[in-house]
N, C-alpha and C. Protein backbone atom coordinates (compact mmCIF):
# COMPACT_ATOMS: atom_id res chain seq x y z
N MET A 1 -11.89 -0.25 27.49
CA MET A 1 -12.25 0.51 26.33
C MET A 1 -11.64 -0.16 25.10
N PRO A 2 -12.46 -0.41 24.08
CA PRO A 2 -11.94 -1.05 22.87
C PRO A 2 -10.91 -0.17 22.16
N LEU A 3 -9.88 -0.81 21.62
CA LEU A 3 -8.83 -0.08 20.90
C LEU A 3 -9.00 -0.14 19.39
N THR A 4 -9.84 -1.04 18.91
CA THR A 4 -10.05 -1.16 17.47
C THR A 4 -11.55 -1.17 17.18
N VAL A 5 -11.88 -0.97 15.93
CA VAL A 5 -13.28 -1.05 15.52
C VAL A 5 -13.77 -2.48 15.70
N LYS A 6 -12.92 -3.46 15.42
CA LYS A 6 -13.28 -4.87 15.60
C LYS A 6 -13.60 -5.16 17.07
N GLU A 7 -12.76 -4.68 17.98
CA GLU A 7 -12.98 -4.90 19.41
C GLU A 7 -14.24 -4.20 19.90
N PHE A 8 -14.66 -3.17 19.20
CA PHE A 8 -15.88 -2.45 19.56
C PHE A 8 -17.12 -3.28 19.22
N GLY A 9 -16.92 -4.32 18.41
CA GLY A 9 -18.02 -5.23 18.13
C GLY A 9 -18.57 -5.16 16.71
N VAL A 10 -17.90 -4.44 15.84
CA VAL A 10 -18.34 -4.37 14.45
C VAL A 10 -17.84 -5.60 13.71
N GLY A 11 -18.75 -6.34 13.14
CA GLY A 11 -18.38 -7.55 12.40
C GLY A 11 -17.67 -7.21 11.10
N GLU A 12 -16.81 -8.13 10.67
CA GLU A 12 -16.02 -7.89 9.47
C GLU A 12 -16.89 -7.71 8.23
N ALA A 13 -17.92 -8.54 8.09
CA ALA A 13 -18.81 -8.43 6.92
C ALA A 13 -19.52 -7.09 6.90
N GLU A 14 -19.99 -6.65 8.04
CA GLU A 14 -20.68 -5.35 8.14
C GLU A 14 -19.71 -4.21 7.83
N PHE A 15 -18.50 -4.30 8.36
CA PHE A 15 -17.47 -3.29 8.11
C PHE A 15 -17.18 -3.20 6.61
N GLU A 16 -16.92 -4.35 5.99
CA GLU A 16 -16.59 -4.37 4.56
C GLU A 16 -17.76 -3.90 3.70
N LYS A 17 -18.97 -4.18 4.14
CA LYS A 17 -20.17 -3.76 3.41
C LYS A 17 -20.25 -2.24 3.30
N HIS A 18 -19.80 -1.54 4.32
CA HIS A 18 -19.94 -0.09 4.37
C HIS A 18 -18.63 0.68 4.15
N LEU A 19 -17.52 -0.04 3.97
CA LEU A 19 -16.21 0.61 3.89
C LEU A 19 -16.13 1.66 2.79
N ASN A 20 -16.59 1.35 1.60
CA ASN A 20 -16.51 2.33 0.50
C ASN A 20 -17.31 3.59 0.81
N GLN A 21 -18.48 3.42 1.38
CA GLN A 21 -19.33 4.56 1.72
C GLN A 21 -18.69 5.41 2.83
N ILE A 22 -18.15 4.75 3.84
CA ILE A 22 -17.51 5.47 4.94
C ILE A 22 -16.30 6.25 4.45
N ALA A 23 -15.46 5.61 3.64
CA ALA A 23 -14.25 6.26 3.13
C ALA A 23 -14.61 7.44 2.23
N ALA A 24 -15.61 7.26 1.37
CA ALA A 24 -16.04 8.36 0.49
C ALA A 24 -16.59 9.52 1.30
N GLY A 25 -17.35 9.21 2.34
CA GLY A 25 -17.90 10.26 3.20
C GLY A 25 -16.80 11.03 3.92
N ALA A 26 -15.79 10.32 4.40
CA ALA A 26 -14.67 10.98 5.07
C ALA A 26 -13.90 11.86 4.09
N PHE A 27 -13.73 11.37 2.87
CA PHE A 27 -13.02 12.15 1.85
C PHE A 27 -13.78 13.42 1.51
N GLU A 28 -15.10 13.34 1.47
CA GLU A 28 -15.94 14.48 1.12
C GLU A 28 -16.20 15.43 2.28
N ASP A 29 -15.78 15.06 3.47
CA ASP A 29 -15.99 15.92 4.64
C ASP A 29 -15.34 17.28 4.41
N PRO A 30 -16.02 18.38 4.75
CA PRO A 30 -15.45 19.71 4.53
C PRO A 30 -14.13 19.96 5.25
N CYS A 31 -13.84 19.21 6.29
CA CYS A 31 -12.59 19.40 7.03
C CYS A 31 -11.39 18.71 6.38
N THR A 32 -11.62 17.75 5.50
CA THR A 32 -10.54 16.99 4.91
C THR A 32 -9.51 17.86 4.18
N PRO A 33 -9.91 18.87 3.42
CA PRO A 33 -8.89 19.69 2.74
C PRO A 33 -7.93 20.43 3.68
N SER A 34 -8.31 20.57 4.95
CA SER A 34 -7.41 21.27 5.88
C SER A 34 -6.40 20.33 6.53
N ASN A 35 -6.43 19.04 6.18
CA ASN A 35 -5.42 18.11 6.69
C ASN A 35 -4.04 18.53 6.20
N PRO A 36 -3.00 18.24 6.96
CA PRO A 36 -1.64 18.61 6.52
C PRO A 36 -1.17 17.85 5.29
N ARG A 37 -1.79 16.70 5.00
CA ARG A 37 -1.44 15.90 3.82
C ARG A 37 -2.69 15.69 2.99
N GLU A 38 -2.51 15.67 1.67
CA GLU A 38 -3.62 15.31 0.81
C GLU A 38 -3.88 13.82 0.93
N VAL A 39 -5.15 13.45 0.89
CA VAL A 39 -5.52 12.04 0.95
C VAL A 39 -6.52 11.73 -0.15
N SER A 40 -6.55 10.47 -0.54
CA SER A 40 -7.51 10.00 -1.52
C SER A 40 -8.54 9.11 -0.81
N VAL A 41 -9.56 8.71 -1.53
CA VAL A 41 -10.53 7.77 -0.98
C VAL A 41 -9.82 6.47 -0.63
N GLU A 42 -8.87 6.05 -1.46
CA GLU A 42 -8.11 4.82 -1.17
C GLU A 42 -7.30 4.96 0.12
N ASP A 43 -6.72 6.14 0.35
CA ASP A 43 -6.00 6.38 1.61
C ASP A 43 -6.96 6.27 2.79
N MET A 44 -8.15 6.84 2.64
CA MET A 44 -9.15 6.77 3.72
C MET A 44 -9.52 5.32 4.00
N LYS A 45 -9.67 4.51 2.96
CA LYS A 45 -9.98 3.10 3.16
C LYS A 45 -8.87 2.41 3.94
N LYS A 46 -7.62 2.70 3.60
CA LYS A 46 -6.49 2.12 4.32
C LYS A 46 -6.51 2.52 5.80
N ILE A 47 -6.85 3.76 6.06
CA ILE A 47 -6.92 4.25 7.45
C ILE A 47 -8.01 3.50 8.21
N TYR A 48 -9.18 3.37 7.60
CA TYR A 48 -10.28 2.66 8.27
C TYR A 48 -9.96 1.19 8.47
N ILE A 49 -9.32 0.55 7.50
CA ILE A 49 -8.93 -0.86 7.66
C ILE A 49 -7.92 -0.99 8.81
N ALA A 50 -6.98 -0.06 8.90
CA ALA A 50 -6.02 -0.08 10.00
C ALA A 50 -6.73 0.12 11.34
N ALA A 51 -7.70 1.01 11.37
CA ALA A 51 -8.46 1.23 12.60
C ALA A 51 -9.28 0.00 12.98
N TYR A 52 -9.78 -0.70 12.00
CA TYR A 52 -10.56 -1.91 12.26
C TYR A 52 -9.67 -3.00 12.87
N ASN A 53 -8.50 -3.17 12.28
CA ASN A 53 -7.60 -4.26 12.72
C ASN A 53 -6.62 -3.86 13.81
N GLY A 54 -6.44 -2.58 14.05
CA GLY A 54 -5.45 -2.15 15.03
C GLY A 54 -4.05 -2.11 14.46
N ASP A 55 -3.95 -1.95 13.14
CA ASP A 55 -2.64 -1.90 12.49
C ASP A 55 -2.06 -0.49 12.54
N LYS A 56 -0.75 -0.42 12.51
CA LYS A 56 -0.09 0.88 12.40
C LYS A 56 -0.14 1.33 10.95
N ILE A 57 -0.28 2.62 10.77
CA ILE A 57 -0.30 3.19 9.42
C ILE A 57 1.13 3.57 9.04
N ASN A 58 1.56 3.09 7.89
CA ASN A 58 2.95 3.34 7.48
C ASN A 58 3.02 3.89 6.06
N PHE A 59 2.09 4.75 5.73
CA PHE A 59 2.14 5.37 4.41
C PHE A 59 2.04 6.87 4.54
C-alpha cells in the first residue's frame, strides 16, 4: 500500500498543477471549521505537500 501521494503514482507536475485548487477546496470544506486548530489555505498546501512527499508536519 502506498504511503505517499507520490508513491500512489501521482506525477509531480500533475500534483503541482492542481495543488492550489485542492488546498482551496479543503479549506472551503464544511468540516474544516470543526478542526481543533484553525488552518489557512497555505497550511492546507503544506499538508498536501507533506502528504505528497511523505514528510512529517512540524507546524
